[in-house]
């Protein structure tokens, strides 16, 4: 059972890293929710470069810290506790993405 959990965590991490490095200035208007519905004037006022730096750092840190929490809990407790802790570690920082992401809008 531990092998399936480890593979699942690695798969999620790969997805987060692909998201972090995959979203860039060229494809942001297609991939970023909210940014893709902005008018041209709103996009001009939005600090896309700053947001993309934050976005990349956010997803890389979430991948790293959630995995570290998972490994620590797996070693100290059992797989059920590890997956619950991992899930909480993924969900807890989500409001930070929304709140901090709104700071890049100059409207």
C-alpha atoms as a PDB file:
ATOM      1  CA  UNK A   1       0.000   0.000   0.000  1.00  0.00           C
ATOM      2  CA  UNK A   2       2.867   2.379   0.724  1.00  0.00           C
ATOM      3  CA  UNK A   3       4.153   2.022  -2.830  1.00  0.00           C
ATOM      4  CA  UNK A   4       0.866   3.206  -4.308  1.00  0.00           C
ATOM      5  CA  UNK A   5       0.819   6.192  -1.993  1.00  0.00           C
ATOM      6  CA  UNK A   6       4.375   7.150  -2.840  1.00  0.00           C
ATOM      7  CA  UNK A   7       3.665   6.834  -6.569  1.00  0.00           C
ATOM      8  CA  UNK A   8       0.536   8.971  -6.158  1.00  0.00           C
ATOM      9  CA  UNK A   9       2.436  11.680  -4.283  1.00  0.00           C
ATOM     10  CA  UNK A  10       5.181  11.678  -6.913  1.00  0.00           C
ATOM     11  CA  UNK A  11       2.581  11.955  -9.672  1.00  0.00           C
ATOM     12  CA  UNK A  12       0.957  14.958  -7.987  1.00  0.00           C
ATOM     13  CA  UNK A  13       4.391  16.538  -7.557  1.00  0.00           C
ATOM     14  CA  UNK A  14       5.180  16.029 -11.235  1.00  0.00           C
ATOM     15  CA  UNK A  15       1.891  17.726 -12.115  1.00  0.00           C
ATOM     16  CA  UNK A  16       2.697  20.668  -9.807  1.00  0.00           C
ATOM     17  CA  UNK A  17       6.176  21.062 -11.296  1.00  0.00           C
ATOM     18  CA  UNK A  18       4.761  20.915 -14.833  1.00  0.00           C
ATOM     19  CA  UNK A  19       2.227  23.592 -13.875  1.00  0.00           C
ATOM     20  CA  UNK A  20       4.944  25.731 -12.256  1.00  0.00           C
ATOM     21  CA  UNK A  21       7.253  25.594 -15.257  1.00  0.00           C
ATOM     22  CA  UNK A  22       4.583  25.185 -17.933  1.00  0.00           C
ATOM     23  CA  UNK A  23       2.568  28.351 -17.412  1.00  0.00           C
ATOM     24  CA  UNK A  24       4.407  31.310 -18.896  1.00  0.00           C
ATOM     25  CA  UNK A  25       3.758  34.719 -20.396  1.00  0.00           C
ATOM     26  CA  UNK A  26       2.973  33.239 -23.815  1.00  0.00           C
ATOM     27  CA  UNK A  27       0.241  30.838 -22.691  1.00  0.00           C
ATOM     28  CA  UNK A  28      -1.085  32.599 -19.570  1.00  0.00           C
ATOM     29  CA  UNK A  29      -4.040  34.085 -21.447  1.00  0.00           C
ATOM     30  CA  UNK A  30      -5.161  30.541 -22.220  1.00  0.00           C
ATOM     31  CA  UNK A  31      -4.285  28.719 -18.988  1.00  0.00           C
ATOM     32  CA  UNK A  32      -4.779  31.121 -16.073  1.00  0.00           C
ATOM     33  CA  UNK A  33      -8.348  31.241 -14.836  1.00  0.00           C
ATOM     34  CA  UNK A  34      -9.468  34.825 -14.416  1.00  0.00           C
ATOM     35  CA  UNK A  35      -6.663  36.215 -16.553  1.00  0.00           C
ATOM     36  CA  UNK A  36      -8.148  34.588 -19.638  1.00  0.00           C
ATOM     37  CA  UNK A  37     -11.466  36.399 -19.105  1.00  0.00           C
ATOM     38  CA  UNK A  38      -9.946  39.854 -18.576  1.00  0.00           C
ATOM     39  CA  UNK A  39     -10.273  42.541 -21.179  1.00  0.00           C
ATOM     40  CA  UNK A  40      -7.136  43.826 -22.881  1.00  0.00           C
ATOM     41  CA  UNK A  41      -7.190  46.923 -20.653  1.00  0.00           C
ATOM     42  CA  UNK A  42      -7.407  44.779 -17.518  1.00  0.00           C
ATOM     43  CA  UNK A  43      -4.555  42.562 -18.724  1.00  0.00           C
ATOM     44  CA  UNK A  44      -2.395  45.636 -19.287  1.00  0.00           C
ATOM     45  CA  UNK A  45      -2.951  46.682 -15.656  1.00  0.00           C
ATOM     46  CA  UNK A  46      -2.177  43.198 -14.317  1.00  0.00           C
ATOM     47  CA  UNK A  47       1.439  42.500 -13.259  1.00  0.00           C
ATOM     48  CA  UNK A  48       1.748  39.207 -15.123  1.00  0.00           C
ATOM     49  CA  UNK A  49       5.519  38.886 -14.676  1.00  0.00           C
ATOM     50  CA  UNK A  50       5.254  39.312 -10.910  1.00  0.00           C
ATOM     51  CA  UNK A  51       2.309  36.939 -10.706  1.00  0.00           C
ATOM     52  CA  UNK A  52       4.071  34.246 -12.722  1.00  0.00           C
ATOM     53  CA  UNK A  53       7.106  34.425 -10.398  1.00  0.00           C
ATOM     54  CA  UNK A  54       4.784  34.050  -7.414  1.00  0.00           C
ATOM     55  CA  UNK A  55       2.792  31.290  -9.167  1.00  0.00           C
ATOM     56  CA  UNK A  56       5.930  29.255  -9.927  1.00  0.00           C
ATOM     57  CA  UNK A  57       7.328  29.653  -6.410  1.00  0.00           C
ATOM     58  CA  UNK A  58       3.950  28.774  -4.890  1.00  0.00           C
ATOM     59  CA  UNK A  59       3.533  25.480  -6.762  1.00  0.00           C
ATOM     60  CA  UNK A  60       7.135  24.410  -6.204  1.00  0.00           C
ATOM     61  CA  UNK A  61       6.878  25.124  -2.482  1.00  0.00           C
ATOM     62  CA  UNK A  62       3.541  23.340  -2.145  1.00  0.00           C
ATOM     63  CA  UNK A  63       5.016  20.298  -3.893  1.00  0.00           C
ATOM     64  CA  UNK A  64       8.098  20.309  -1.656  1.00  0.00           C
ATOM     65  CA  UNK A  65       6.467  20.963   1.728  1.00  0.00           C
ATOM     66  CA  UNK A  66       3.484  18.671   1.218  1.00  0.00           C
ATOM     67  CA  UNK A  67       5.821  15.849   0.231  1.00  0.00           C
ATOM     68  CA  UNK A  68       8.045  16.479   3.224  1.00  0.00           C
ATOM     69  CA  UNK A  69       5.006  16.384   5.503  1.00  0.00           C
ATOM     70  CA  UNK A  70       3.845  13.169   3.825  1.00  0.00           C
ATOM     71  CA  UNK A  71       7.212  11.462   4.298  1.00  0.00           C
ATOM     72  CA  UNK A  72       7.531  12.536   7.932  1.00  0.00           C
ATOM     73  CA  UNK A  73       4.007  11.342   8.753  1.00  0.00           C
ATOM     74  CA  UNK A  74       4.540   8.090   6.877  1.00  0.00           C
ATOM     75  CA  UNK A  75       7.695   7.359   8.856  1.00  0.00           C
ATOM     76  CA  UNK A  76       6.300   8.433  12.231  1.00  0.00           C
ATOM     77  CA  UNK A  77       2.741   7.112  11.969  1.00  0.00           C
ATOM     78  CA  UNK A  78       0.956   5.123   9.291  1.00  0.00           C
ATOM     79  CA  UNK A  79      -0.203   5.548   5.664  1.00  0.00           C
ATOM     80  CA  UNK A  80      -3.675   6.803   6.646  1.00  0.00           C
ATOM     81  CA  UNK A  81      -2.287   9.603   8.798  1.00  0.00           C
ATOM     82  CA  UNK A  82       0.264  10.419   6.079  1.00  0.00           C
ATOM     83  CA  UNK A  83      -2.365  10.784   3.347  1.00  0.00           C
ATOM     84  CA  UNK A  84      -4.615  12.897   5.585  1.00  0.00           C
ATOM     85  CA  UNK A  85      -1.681  15.160   6.452  1.00  0.00           C
ATOM     86  CA  UNK A  86      -0.680  15.337   2.788  1.00  0.00           C
ATOM     87  CA  UNK A  87      -4.198  16.307   1.751  1.00  0.00           C
ATOM     88  CA  UNK A  88      -4.355  19.023   4.400  1.00  0.00           C
ATOM     89  CA  UNK A  89      -0.905  20.253   3.311  1.00  0.00           C
ATOM     90  CA  UNK A  90      -2.219  20.592  -0.247  1.00  0.00           C
ATOM     91  CA  UNK A  91      -5.497  22.290   0.658  1.00  0.00           C
ATOM     92  CA  UNK A  92      -4.402  24.644   3.421  1.00  0.00           C
ATOM     93  CA  UNK A  93      -2.262  26.959   1.239  1.00  0.00           C
ATOM     94  CA  UNK A  94      -4.900  27.338  -1.506  1.00  0.00           C
ATOM     95  CA  UNK A  95      -6.405  30.530  -0.019  1.00  0.00           C
ATOM     96  CA  UNK A  96      -2.896  32.015  -0.074  1.00  0.00           C
ATOM     97  CA  UNK A  97      -2.829  31.574  -3.852  1.00  0.00           C
ATOM     98  CA  UNK A  98      -6.118  33.440  -4.194  1.00  0.00           C
ATOM     99  CA  UNK A  99      -5.370  36.228  -1.699  1.00  0.00           C
ATOM    100  CA  UNK A 100      -1.792  36.851  -2.794  1.00  0.00           C
ATOM    101  CA  UNK A 101      -2.737  36.498  -6.461  1.00  0.00           C
ATOM    102  CA  UNK A 102      -5.189  39.381  -6.155  1.00  0.00           C
ATOM    103  CA  UNK A 103      -2.354  41.697  -5.136  1.00  0.00           C
ATOM    104  CA  UNK A 104      -0.952  41.665  -8.670  1.00  0.00           C
ATOM    105  CA  UNK A 105      -4.006  43.391 -10.096  1.00  0.00           C
ATOM    106  CA  UNK A 106      -3.557  47.162 -10.417  1.00  0.00           C
ATOM    107  CA  UNK A 107      -7.226  47.960 -10.903  1.00  0.00           C
END
